[in-house]
Amino acid sequence: MEITSLLNLKGEVVFFLFFIVLIVTVLLLDLLLVGRKSHEVSVKEATIWSSIWIAFALIFAVFLRYHAEYIHGIENLDQLNQVVQHYAPFLTLDETSFENSLDLYRKNSTVNFLSGYLIEKSLSVDNLFVIMALLAAFSVKKKDYKTVLFWGILGAIVLRCIFIFAGAALIYRFEWLLYVFGGYLIYVGLKMYLQRNSEIKIEPQHHPVVKLLSKRYRVYPKYVANRFFINKKGLFYITPLFIVLITIEFTDLVFALDSIPAIFAVTRDPYIVFFSNIFAILGLRSLFFLLIHVVEKFYLLKVGVAFLLVYVGIKLMAHEWLVHIGFRPVYSLYIIVLVLTISILLSLVFPKKQPH
């Protein structure tokens, strides 16, 4: 059993490092080649890049459908059993056939990835509303949005990685935390629904991040192009743009407390949770520029997201009962797609009335 565990761990580390290198390479290409010049992103450009990032996520889903075993370095039925017992105890394998069991595992991993991706993507919409308000409150120029969001996303990837694997370790050791997460998600979902029409108000001078950084560092009094730091007469300063970046990171950290437990309602596999998070975050910047122009059209999306939070919260709290009655992971995917589709369609059929 120990040898099997070591083989699984080796396979996981190799695949994880390969994935990280691939993602960092794509992000650097985006920064150094595609986004090397600061400019205001058009609807067309945002739509194209959003489509590209969604395509990457779907390609990865296809990869999981046929090669999901590479994530944990699974090579035989014993290794597969160990992974399933650890991350998907509800999954019943065919002990007489490794191929049949592997195909079932691949399907399950693909469904969980897509469900997690859609949950994170939909929750990101609410996150983007706050980021929009932050950028407006700090009077950031639209041509500098790309730079701030790029580094914000890079920081979010690092923070999510820490959160997800720490959360997985805690859940594995203290399974009762699933009930805590479930109750918290129900609370957040109900709160989001009740506050769906509330206007986001941000006062930069009173923000805790601004106060903290202002006390510890010299802050340059104005923006300097898209730079985060500046040296004047031998003195080191942080620019207001750096404060905006750290504030966005802090905001994402708060939202991660909602989204990560929500995906754990779909799967306990930290790698699937991480991959679905990363692919959703990678398309966040393009989605941001797209939402700027269509944010008012899909006003009911927030109601749909609130419903999903309550749903995954209940699912977490009732996970043992759902396994007992044979609730399949694909059902969650159907529910997520249905709720998001209905929210978008109703927003278009019944457009929001504009005040005179």
Protein backbone atom coordinates (compact mmCIF):
# COMPACT_ATOMS: atom_id res chain seq x y z
CA MET A 1 0.00 0.00 0.00
CA GLU A 2 2.89 2.40 0.83
CA ILE A 3 4.53 1.76 -2.56
CA THR A 4 1.21 2.49 -4.29
CA SER A 5 0.86 5.75 -2.34
CA LEU A 6 4.37 6.84 -3.33
CA LEU A 7 3.68 6.08 -7.01
CA ASN A 8 0.44 8.10 -6.85
CA LEU A 9 2.22 11.01 -5.15
CA LYS A 10 4.98 11.02 -7.76
CA GLY A 11 2.42 11.06 -10.59
CA GLU A 12 0.44 13.86 -8.92
CA VAL A 13 3.54 16.04 -8.44
CA VAL A 14 4.71 15.55 -12.03
CA PHE A 15 1.30 16.36 -13.53
CA PHE A 16 0.75 19.31 -11.18
CA LEU A 17 4.15 20.86 -12.00
CA PHE A 18 3.54 20.37 -15.72
CA PHE A 19 0.16 22.10 -15.38
CA ILE A 20 1.65 25.04 -13.44
CA VAL A 21 4.45 25.51 -15.99
CA LEU A 22 1.88 25.47 -18.81
CA ILE A 23 -0.35 28.06 -17.10
CA VAL A 24 2.55 30.38 -16.21
CA THR A 25 3.83 30.15 -19.81
CA VAL A 26 0.40 31.09 -21.20
CA LEU A 27 0.11 34.01 -18.76
CA LEU A 28 3.60 35.30 -19.62
CA LEU A 29 2.80 35.10 -23.34
CA ASP A 30 -0.36 37.07 -22.62
CA LEU A 31 1.59 39.71 -20.66
CA LEU A 32 4.71 40.01 -22.86
CA LEU A 33 3.19 39.57 -26.31
CA VAL A 34 -0.58 40.07 -26.38
CA GLY A 35 -0.89 42.66 -23.61
CA ARG A 36 2.50 44.39 -23.75
CA LYS A 37 0.85 47.73 -24.60
CA SER A 38 -1.63 49.35 -22.24
CA HIS A 39 -4.88 50.03 -24.05
CA GLU A 40 -8.61 50.03 -23.47
CA VAL A 41 -10.01 46.60 -24.32
CA SER A 42 -12.88 46.59 -26.81
CA VAL A 43 -15.96 44.35 -26.70
CA LYS A 44 -14.67 42.42 -29.72
CA GLU A 45 -11.28 41.74 -28.12
CA ALA A 46 -12.89 40.75 -24.81
CA THR A 47 -15.30 38.38 -26.60
CA ILE A 48 -12.49 36.73 -28.57
CA TRP A 49 -10.31 36.17 -25.51
CA SER A 50 -13.25 34.97 -23.41
CA SER A 51 -14.01 32.41 -26.11
CA ILE A 52 -10.35 31.31 -26.20
CA TRP A 53 -10.19 30.75 -22.42
CA ILE A 54 -13.50 28.85 -22.46
CA ALA A 55 -12.13 26.71 -25.31
CA PHE A 56 -9.03 25.91 -23.20
CA ALA A 57 -11.28 24.76 -20.35
CA LEU A 58 -13.32 22.55 -22.70
CA ILE A 59 -10.14 21.06 -24.19
CA PHE A 60 -8.98 20.20 -20.67
CA ALA A 61 -12.39 18.60 -20.01
CA VAL A 62 -11.88 16.42 -23.11
CA PHE A 63 -8.42 15.51 -21.82
CA LEU A 64 -9.94 14.41 -18.50
CA ARG A 65 -12.57 12.34 -20.31
CA TYR A 66 -9.86 10.18 -21.88
CA HIS A 67 -6.81 10.62 -19.62
CA ALA A 68 -8.00 11.68 -16.12
CA GLU A 69 -5.83 8.97 -14.56
CA TYR A 70 -2.70 11.03 -15.34
CA ILE A 71 -3.60 13.50 -12.58
CA HIS A 72 -2.91 10.93 -9.84
CA GLY A 73 -0.56 8.72 -11.83
CA ILE A 74 -3.01 5.78 -11.83
CA GLU A 75 -1.62 2.69 -13.58
CA ASN A 76 -3.57 -0.22 -12.07
CA LEU A 77 -6.77 -1.12 -10.24
CA ASP A 78 -5.14 -0.92 -6.79
CA GLN A 79 -4.04 2.67 -7.36
CA LEU A 80 -7.45 3.55 -8.78
CA ASN A 81 -9.19 2.08 -5.74
CA GLN A 82 -6.97 4.07 -3.42
CA VAL A 83 -7.70 7.37 -5.21
CA VAL A 84 -11.46 6.67 -5.33
CA GLN A 85 -11.60 5.77 -1.63
CA HIS A 86 -9.76 8.98 -0.82
CA TYR A 87 -11.62 11.43 -3.06
CA ALA A 88 -14.82 9.76 -4.34
CA PRO A 89 -15.97 7.10 -1.86
CA PHE A 90 -19.47 7.07 -3.38
CA LEU A 91 -18.11 5.78 -6.72
CA THR A 92 -18.69 2.04 -7.19
CA LEU A 93 -15.99 0.49 -9.37
CA ASP A 94 -16.05 -2.73 -11.38
CA GLU A 95 -13.53 -4.86 -9.49
CA THR A 96 -13.37 -7.35 -12.38
CA SER A 97 -12.31 -4.83 -15.01
CA PHE A 98 -9.70 -2.06 -14.71
CA GLU A 99 -10.79 -0.56 -18.05
CA ASN A 100 -14.45 -0.28 -17.04
CA SER A 101 -13.53 1.21 -13.66
CA LEU A 102 -11.14 3.65 -15.30
CA ASP A 103 -13.78 4.79 -17.76
CA LEU A 104 -16.20 5.43 -14.88
CA TYR A 105 -13.52 7.40 -13.02
CA ARG A 106 -12.76 9.47 -16.14
CA LYS A 107 -16.43 10.34 -16.65
CA ASN A 108 -16.80 11.30 -12.98
CA SER A 109 -13.69 13.52 -13.07
CA THR A 110 -14.88 15.28 -16.24
CA VAL A 111 -18.34 15.98 -14.83
CA ASN A 112 -16.85 17.27 -11.56
CA PHE A 113 -14.42 19.54 -13.42
CA LEU A 114 -17.16 21.06 -15.58
CA SER A 115 -19.47 21.52 -12.56
CA GLY A 116 -16.69 23.19 -10.57
CA TYR A 117 -15.74 25.37 -13.52
CA LEU A 118 -19.31 26.61 -14.00
CA ILE A 119 -19.75 27.29 -10.28
CA GLU A 120 -16.50 29.26 -10.09
CA LYS A 121 -17.27 31.12 -13.33
CA SER A 122 -20.73 32.15 -12.12
CA LEU A 123 -19.44 33.19 -8.69
CA SER A 124 -16.70 35.21 -10.40
CA VAL A 125 -19.40 37.44 -11.88
CA ASP A 126 -20.23 38.77 -8.42
CA ASN A 127 -16.52 39.20 -7.73
CA LEU A 128 -16.16 41.23 -10.91
CA PHE A 129 -18.93 43.61 -9.83
CA VAL A 130 -16.86 44.50 -6.78
CA ILE A 131 -13.66 44.83 -8.83
CA MET A 132 -15.47 47.22 -11.20
CA ALA A 133 -16.53 49.33 -8.23
CA LEU A 134 -12.97 49.28 -6.85
CA LEU A 135 -11.37 50.43 -10.11
CA ALA A 136 -13.97 53.18 -10.45
CA ALA A 137 -13.55 54.29 -6.81
CA PHE A 138 -9.76 54.50 -7.19
CA SER A 139 -10.10 56.35 -10.53
CA VAL A 140 -7.91 53.87 -12.41
CA LYS A 141 -7.57 54.62 -16.12
CA LYS A 142 -9.21 52.03 -18.35
CA LYS A 143 -5.98 51.49 -20.30
CA ASP A 144 -4.33 50.28 -17.06
CA TYR A 145 -7.06 47.75 -16.25
CA LYS A 146 -5.25 44.94 -18.12
CA THR A 147 -2.03 45.31 -16.09
CA VAL A 148 -3.80 45.38 -12.73
CA LEU A 149 -6.04 42.42 -13.58
CA PHE A 150 -3.13 40.35 -14.95
CA TRP A 151 -1.10 40.57 -11.75
CA GLY A 152 -4.30 40.23 -9.72
CA ILE A 153 -5.07 36.94 -11.46
CA LEU A 154 -1.50 35.69 -10.96
CA GLY A 155 -1.75 36.42 -7.24
CA ALA A 156 -5.18 34.78 -7.10
CA ILE A 157 -3.75 31.55 -8.56
CA VAL A 158 -1.14 31.36 -5.79
CA LEU A 159 -3.68 32.11 -3.04
CA ARG A 160 -6.23 29.63 -4.43
CA CYS A 161 -3.57 26.91 -4.56
CA ILE A 162 -2.82 27.39 -0.85
CA PHE A 163 -6.50 27.60 0.11
CA ILE A 164 -7.60 24.56 -1.87
CA PHE A 165 -4.95 22.09 -0.71
CA ALA A 166 -5.15 23.31 2.88
CA GLY A 167 -8.95 22.98 2.73
CA ALA A 168 -8.71 19.47 1.27
CA ALA A 169 -6.35 18.40 4.06
CA LEU A 170 -8.70 19.80 6.72
CA ILE A 171 -11.77 18.14 5.18
CA TYR A 172 -9.97 14.80 4.98
CA ARG A 173 -9.06 15.02 8.68
CA PHE A 174 -12.20 16.75 9.97
CA GLU A 175 -15.12 15.70 7.78
CA TRP A 176 -17.58 17.62 9.96
CA LEU A 177 -16.20 20.79 8.34
CA LEU A 178 -18.38 19.96 5.32
CA TYR A 179 -21.43 20.82 7.44
CA VAL A 180 -19.82 24.11 8.51
CA PHE A 181 -19.03 24.99 4.88
CA GLY A 182 -22.56 24.01 3.86
CA GLY A 183 -24.19 26.24 6.47
CA TYR A 184 -21.90 29.12 5.53
CA LEU A 185 -22.76 28.81 1.82
CA ILE A 186 -26.50 28.80 2.56
CA TYR A 187 -26.01 31.99 4.62
CA VAL A 188 -23.97 33.66 1.83
CA GLY A 189 -26.52 32.65 -0.83
CA LEU A 190 -29.46 34.06 1.14
CA LYS A 191 -27.50 37.23 1.91
CA MET A 192 -26.62 37.66 -1.78
CA TYR A 193 -30.27 37.29 -2.76
CA LEU A 194 -31.50 39.80 -0.16
CA GLN A 195 -28.81 42.32 -1.16
CA ARG A 196 -29.08 41.71 -4.92
CA ASN A 197 -30.31 45.26 -5.62
CA SER A 198 -27.96 47.00 -3.22
CA GLU A 199 -25.49 49.43 -4.74
CA ILE A 200 -21.80 48.68 -4.08
CA LYS A 201 -20.24 51.64 -2.27
CA ILE A 202 -16.48 51.82 -1.77
CA GLU A 203 -14.64 54.67 -0.05
CA PRO A 204 -10.92 54.20 -0.81
CA GLN A 205 -9.67 56.34 2.07
CA HIS A 206 -11.51 54.14 4.58
CA HIS A 207 -10.58 50.75 3.09
CA PRO A 208 -8.55 48.63 5.58
CA VAL A 209 -5.95 47.70 2.92
CA VAL A 210 -5.39 51.37 2.05
CA LYS A 211 -4.97 52.29 5.72
CA LEU A 212 -2.53 49.43 6.35
CA LEU A 213 -0.31 50.13 3.33
CA SER A 214 -0.35 53.89 3.93
CA LYS A 215 0.99 53.36 7.45
CA ARG A 216 3.80 50.99 6.41
CA TYR A 217 5.00 52.47 3.10
CA ARG A 218 5.55 55.78 1.38
CA VAL A 219 2.73 56.28 -1.10
CA TYR A 220 3.36 58.39 -4.18
CA PRO A 221 0.56 60.97 -4.50
CA LYS A 222 -0.42 60.12 -8.10
CA TYR A 223 -0.48 57.34 -10.70
CA VAL A 224 2.73 56.85 -12.71
CA ALA A 225 1.69 55.16 -15.97
CA ASN A 226 1.04 51.48 -15.11
CA ARG A 227 3.87 51.18 -12.56
CA PHE A 228 3.44 49.74 -9.07
CA PHE A 229 6.66 51.13 -7.58
CA ILE A 230 8.79 54.21 -8.11
CA ASN A 231 12.11 55.56 -6.86
CA LYS A 232 12.38 59.30 -6.34
CA LYS A 233 15.56 60.94 -5.02
CA GLY A 234 16.71 57.67 -3.50
CA LEU A 235 13.39 57.02 -1.74
CA PHE A 236 11.18 54.02 -2.47
CA TYR A 237 7.47 54.65 -3.04
CA ILE A 238 4.50 52.45 -3.80
CA THR A 239 2.06 53.95 -6.29
CA PRO A 240 -1.73 54.11 -5.92
CA LEU A 241 -1.93 51.40 -8.60
CA PHE A 242 -0.10 48.98 -6.28
CA ILE A 243 -2.64 49.74 -3.55
CA VAL A 244 -5.43 48.95 -6.04
CA LEU A 245 -3.71 45.64 -6.88
CA ILE A 246 -3.42 44.58 -3.22
CA THR A 247 -7.03 45.64 -2.60
CA ILE A 248 -8.17 43.42 -5.49
CA GLU A 249 -6.13 40.51 -4.07
CA PHE A 250 -7.79 41.04 -0.69
CA THR A 251 -11.21 41.07 -2.38
CA ASP A 252 -10.45 37.81 -4.21
CA LEU A 253 -9.34 36.26 -0.93
CA VAL A 254 -12.73 37.08 0.59
CA PHE A 255 -14.58 35.65 -2.42
CA ALA A 256 -12.44 32.50 -2.31
CA LEU A 257 -14.06 31.74 1.05
CA ASP A 258 -17.33 31.31 -0.89
CA SER A 259 -16.23 29.71 -4.13
CA ILE A 260 -13.78 27.08 -2.87
CA PRO A 261 -16.21 25.44 -0.38
CA ALA A 262 -18.83 25.56 -3.15
CA ILE A 263 -16.66 23.45 -5.46
CA PHE A 264 -15.86 21.03 -2.63
CA ALA A 265 -19.61 20.33 -2.69
CA VAL A 266 -19.02 18.87 -6.15
CA THR A 267 -15.78 16.96 -5.52
CA ARG A 268 -13.28 16.37 -2.73
CA ASP A 269 -10.38 15.95 -5.14
CA PRO A 270 -8.21 19.07 -4.56
CA TYR A 271 -6.65 18.74 -8.00
CA ILE A 272 -10.01 18.87 -9.77
CA VAL A 273 -11.02 21.79 -7.53
CA PHE A 274 -7.75 23.57 -8.34
CA PHE A 275 -7.95 22.98 -12.09
CA SER A 276 -11.57 24.16 -12.30
CA ASN A 277 -10.67 27.26 -10.25
CA ILE A 278 -7.65 28.12 -12.38
CA PHE A 279 -9.42 27.78 -15.73
CA ALA A 280 -12.26 29.97 -14.45
CA ILE A 281 -9.81 32.58 -13.10
CA LEU A 282 -7.75 32.62 -16.32
CA GLY A 283 -10.75 33.89 -18.25
CA LEU A 284 -11.63 36.40 -15.56
CA ARG A 285 -9.85 39.36 -17.14
CA SER A 286 -11.54 38.94 -20.53
CA LEU A 287 -14.88 38.35 -18.81
CA PHE A 288 -14.38 41.58 -16.86
CA PHE A 289 -14.08 43.68 -20.01
CA LEU A 290 -17.08 41.89 -21.50
CA LEU A 291 -19.22 42.43 -18.39
CA ILE A 292 -18.49 46.16 -18.38
CA HIS A 293 -20.64 46.44 -21.50
CA VAL A 294 -23.38 43.89 -20.70
CA VAL A 295 -23.57 44.01 -16.91
CA GLU A 296 -27.05 45.56 -16.87
CA LYS A 297 -28.51 43.05 -19.33
CA PHE A 298 -27.99 39.97 -17.15
CA TYR A 299 -29.29 41.44 -13.90
CA LEU A 300 -30.97 38.16 -12.85
CA LEU A 301 -27.69 36.26 -12.97
CA LYS A 302 -27.03 37.31 -9.39
CA VAL A 303 -30.30 35.64 -8.33
CA GLY A 304 -29.20 32.46 -10.12
CA VAL A 305 -25.80 32.53 -8.41
CA ALA A 306 -27.48 33.03 -5.01
CA PHE A 307 -29.69 29.98 -5.71
CA LEU A 308 -26.61 27.92 -6.65
CA LEU A 309 -24.86 28.87 -3.42
CA VAL A 310 -27.86 27.73 -1.39
CA TYR A 311 -28.06 24.54 -3.48
CA VAL A 312 -24.39 23.58 -3.01
CA GLY A 313 -24.67 24.46 0.68
CA ILE A 314 -27.58 22.05 1.10
CA LYS A 315 -25.71 19.47 -0.99
CA LEU A 316 -22.71 19.70 1.35
CA MET A 317 -24.83 19.31 4.46
CA ALA A 318 -26.78 16.38 2.97
CA HIS A 319 -23.85 14.69 1.20
CA GLU A 320 -24.17 11.36 3.07
CA TRP A 321 -27.92 11.13 2.42
CA LEU A 322 -27.45 11.99 -1.28
CA VAL A 323 -24.88 9.20 -1.64
CA HIS A 324 -27.32 6.82 0.05
CA ILE A 325 -30.12 7.57 -2.45
CA GLY A 326 -27.76 7.34 -5.42
CA PHE A 327 -27.51 11.05 -6.34
CA ARG A 328 -25.05 11.19 -9.25
CA PRO A 329 -22.53 14.05 -9.79
CA VAL A 330 -23.90 14.65 -13.29
CA TYR A 331 -27.19 15.78 -11.73
CA SER A 332 -25.37 18.75 -10.17
CA LEU A 333 -23.99 19.67 -13.58
CA TYR A 334 -27.52 19.62 -15.05
CA ILE A 335 -28.84 21.82 -12.23
CA ILE A 336 -25.99 24.35 -12.57
CA VAL A 337 -26.41 24.65 -16.35
CA LEU A 338 -30.21 24.91 -16.02
CA VAL A 339 -30.10 27.64 -13.35
CA LEU A 340 -27.53 29.75 -15.23
CA THR A 341 -29.39 29.36 -18.53
CA ILE A 342 -32.75 30.33 -17.00
CA SER A 343 -31.17 33.36 -15.26
CA ILE A 344 -29.67 34.62 -18.52
CA LEU A 345 -32.80 33.96 -20.62
CA LEU A 346 -35.14 35.63 -18.12
CA SER A 347 -32.83 38.65 -18.00
CA LEU A 348 -33.14 38.99 -21.77
CA VAL A 349 -36.89 38.26 -21.97
CA PHE A 350 -37.71 40.62 -19.08
CA PRO A 351 -35.14 43.41 -19.37
CA LYS A 352 -34.47 45.55 -16.32
CA LYS A 353 -36.51 48.75 -16.25
CA GLN A 354 -34.33 51.82 -16.34
CA PRO A 355 -35.27 54.66 -13.96
CA HIS A 356 -36.43 57.85 -15.68
